[in-house]
Protein backbone atom coordinates (compact mmCIF):
# COMPACT_ATOMS: atom_id res chain seq x y z
CA MET A 1 -168.47 -157.12 -17.82
CA GLY A 2 -171.07 -158.95 -15.04
CA GLN A 3 -172.84 -162.18 -16.87
CA LYS A 4 -176.31 -162.97 -16.89
CA PRO A 5 -177.76 -164.14 -13.28
CA ALA A 6 -177.66 -167.83 -13.68
CA ARG A 7 -174.29 -168.18 -15.13
CA ALA A 8 -172.74 -165.69 -12.53
CA LYS A 9 -174.22 -167.54 -9.62
CA ALA A 10 -172.81 -170.92 -10.86
CA ALA A 11 -169.57 -168.98 -11.53
CA SER A 12 -169.90 -167.46 -7.46
CA SER A 13 -170.77 -171.49 -6.87
CA ARG A 14 -167.50 -172.53 -8.60
CA ARG A 15 -165.41 -170.21 -7.13
CA ILE A 16 -166.71 -171.05 -3.20
CA ARG A 17 -165.77 -174.54 -4.66
CA ASP A 18 -162.84 -173.68 -5.90
CA GLU A 19 -161.22 -171.64 -3.28
CA ARG A 20 -162.26 -174.09 -0.61
CA LEU A 21 -159.94 -176.94 -3.21
CA HIS A 22 -157.08 -174.75 -2.83
CA LEU A 23 -157.41 -174.39 0.62
CA ARG A 24 -157.04 -178.41 0.96
CA LEU A 25 -160.95 -178.08 2.75
CA THR A 26 -163.31 -180.70 3.70
CA LEU A 27 -166.41 -180.03 2.46
CA GLU A 28 -167.16 -180.71 6.32
CA GLN A 29 -164.32 -178.56 7.11
CA LEU A 30 -165.32 -175.23 5.46
CA ALA A 31 -169.29 -175.95 7.04
CA GLU A 32 -167.91 -176.93 10.58
CA ARG A 33 -166.32 -173.08 9.81
CA VAL A 34 -168.70 -170.92 8.69
CA ASN A 35 -171.24 -173.14 11.42
CA LYS A 36 -174.08 -174.50 8.67
CA SER A 37 -173.92 -178.43 7.37
CA THR A 38 -171.90 -179.84 5.02
CA ASN A 39 -175.48 -180.52 2.79
CA TYR A 40 -175.93 -177.27 2.73
CA ILE A 41 -172.09 -175.84 1.81
CA GLY A 42 -172.84 -178.65 -1.03
CA GLN A 43 -175.21 -177.70 -2.07
CA ILE A 44 -174.62 -173.70 -2.37
CA GLU A 45 -171.30 -175.72 -3.97
CA ARG A 46 -173.55 -176.85 -7.38
CA ASN A 47 -175.77 -173.97 -7.41
CA ASP A 48 -178.34 -175.57 -5.33
CA GLY A 49 -178.46 -173.14 -2.52
CA LYS A 50 -179.22 -169.45 -2.34
CA PRO A 51 -176.96 -168.34 0.87
CA SER A 52 -178.10 -165.09 2.70
CA LEU A 53 -175.31 -162.18 2.80
CA GLU A 54 -174.50 -163.63 6.29
CA THR A 55 -173.52 -166.44 4.31
CA VAL A 56 -171.57 -165.58 1.89
CA VAL A 57 -169.59 -163.12 4.49
CA ASP A 58 -168.98 -165.90 6.51
CA ILE A 59 -168.03 -168.09 3.38
CA ALA A 60 -165.61 -165.67 2.19
CA ASN A 61 -164.51 -165.27 6.12
CA ALA A 62 -162.93 -169.05 6.31
CA LEU A 63 -161.46 -168.93 3.08
CA GLY A 64 -159.67 -165.97 4.28
CA THR A 65 -161.38 -163.75 1.00
CA THR A 66 -163.76 -161.11 0.42
CA VAL A 67 -166.99 -160.92 -1.19
CA ASP A 68 -166.56 -159.17 -4.07
CA GLY A 69 -163.65 -161.79 -4.08
CA LEU A 70 -166.38 -164.71 -4.57
CA LEU A 71 -168.87 -163.02 -6.44
CA ARG A 72 -167.01 -160.69 -8.49
CA ASP A 73 -168.05 -163.08 -11.58
CA SER A 74 -171.09 -162.09 -10.87
CA LEU A 75 -170.73 -158.54 -10.25
CA THR A 76 -172.28 -155.73 -12.98
CA VAL A 77 -168.32 -153.44 -13.19
CA PRO A 78 -165.93 -153.59 -14.79
CA ALA A 79 -162.75 -155.91 -13.46
CA GLU A 80 -160.33 -153.67 -13.07
CA ASP A 81 -162.28 -151.87 -10.48
CA TRP A 82 -162.46 -154.04 -8.17
CA ARG A 83 -158.72 -154.50 -8.88
CA LEU A 84 -158.31 -150.74 -7.95
CA ARG A 85 -160.41 -151.35 -4.56
CA GLU A 86 -158.41 -153.90 -4.12
CA LEU A 87 -155.12 -152.13 -4.32
CA ALA A 88 -156.73 -148.41 -2.57
CA ALA A 89 -157.24 -151.42 0.66
CA LEU A 90 -153.21 -152.27 0.41
CA PHE A 91 -151.58 -148.80 0.22
CA SER A 92 -154.19 -147.28 2.68
CA ALA A 93 -152.87 -150.66 5.34
CA THR A 94 -149.70 -149.73 4.90
CA ASP A 95 -146.98 -146.39 6.60
CA GLU A 96 -146.29 -143.41 4.84
CA PRO A 97 -142.63 -144.98 3.72
CA GLY A 98 -144.96 -147.84 2.83
CA ARG A 99 -146.55 -145.67 0.41
CA GLN A 100 -144.37 -144.06 -1.02
CA PHE A 101 -142.55 -147.43 -1.93
CA LEU A 102 -146.03 -148.71 -3.55
CA LEU A 103 -145.97 -145.34 -5.26
CA GLU A 104 -142.84 -145.44 -6.73
CA VAL A 105 -143.12 -149.04 -8.16
CA ALA A 106 -145.73 -148.87 -9.63
CA ARG A 107 -144.76 -145.82 -11.60
CA GLN A 108 -141.64 -147.36 -12.46
CA TYR A 109 -142.97 -150.56 -13.37
CA VAL A 110 -145.65 -148.01 -15.60
CA ARG A 111 -142.53 -146.62 -16.94
CA CYS A 112 -140.45 -149.95 -18.02
CA HIS A 113 -143.92 -151.67 -19.41
CA ARG A 114 -145.98 -149.23 -21.17
CA ALA A 115 -144.37 -146.19 -24.69
CA ASN A 116 -145.68 -143.45 -22.66
CA PRO A 117 -144.97 -141.94 -19.58
CA VAL A 118 -146.41 -141.93 -16.61
CA VAL A 119 -147.44 -138.35 -15.90
CA THR A 120 -146.98 -136.85 -11.46
CA THR A 121 -146.96 -133.93 -9.96
CA GLU A 122 -143.25 -134.65 -9.10
CA PRO A 123 -139.88 -135.05 -10.56
CA PRO A 124 -138.80 -139.27 -10.37
CA SER A 125 -135.80 -140.07 -8.07
CA ALA A 126 -133.20 -141.85 -8.97
CA THR A 127 -133.28 -144.03 -6.29
CA MET A 128 -136.51 -145.29 -4.65
CA VAL A 129 -136.88 -145.52 -0.91
CA LEU A 130 -137.69 -149.05 0.55
CA PRO A 131 -139.96 -149.51 4.24
CA ALA A 132 -136.49 -150.03 5.50
CA GLY A 133 -135.57 -147.09 5.17
CA GLY A 134 -132.36 -148.52 2.68
CA ARG A 135 -131.85 -147.31 -0.32
CA GLN A 136 -131.98 -149.15 -3.96
CA ASN A 137 -130.14 -147.78 -6.88
CA THR A 138 -132.63 -147.27 -9.79
CA GLY A 139 -130.16 -147.43 -12.29
CA LYS A 140 -130.28 -144.00 -13.57
């Protein structure tokens, strides 16, 4: 679950800083990308600033992440919910063969890593169709 507001805000500030450092961006470079002052971005990272939603969106875009990715410690939704949303977004961003491939990969992963079988409406296939149209033998 989410944290208390002050701790969650601090965690979000740290996440912004961590993402910036991961990309090896300076405060100046991030500030330039979001058209804000270096001082203001520093305040946000130190949990001294209170950015608007527009600024948070700009920062997320500049860091190549999502707003909920930056704020997930502040959200009161369970962590698995944002992961499901991300999976749904990835799933919907691909074509039909890609969707079939991702679904089959997920089914096989669950079969291999859980004692309980996956309940599906379709019988399991002996081969997995790759997005490029090739076939991969699954060893069945």
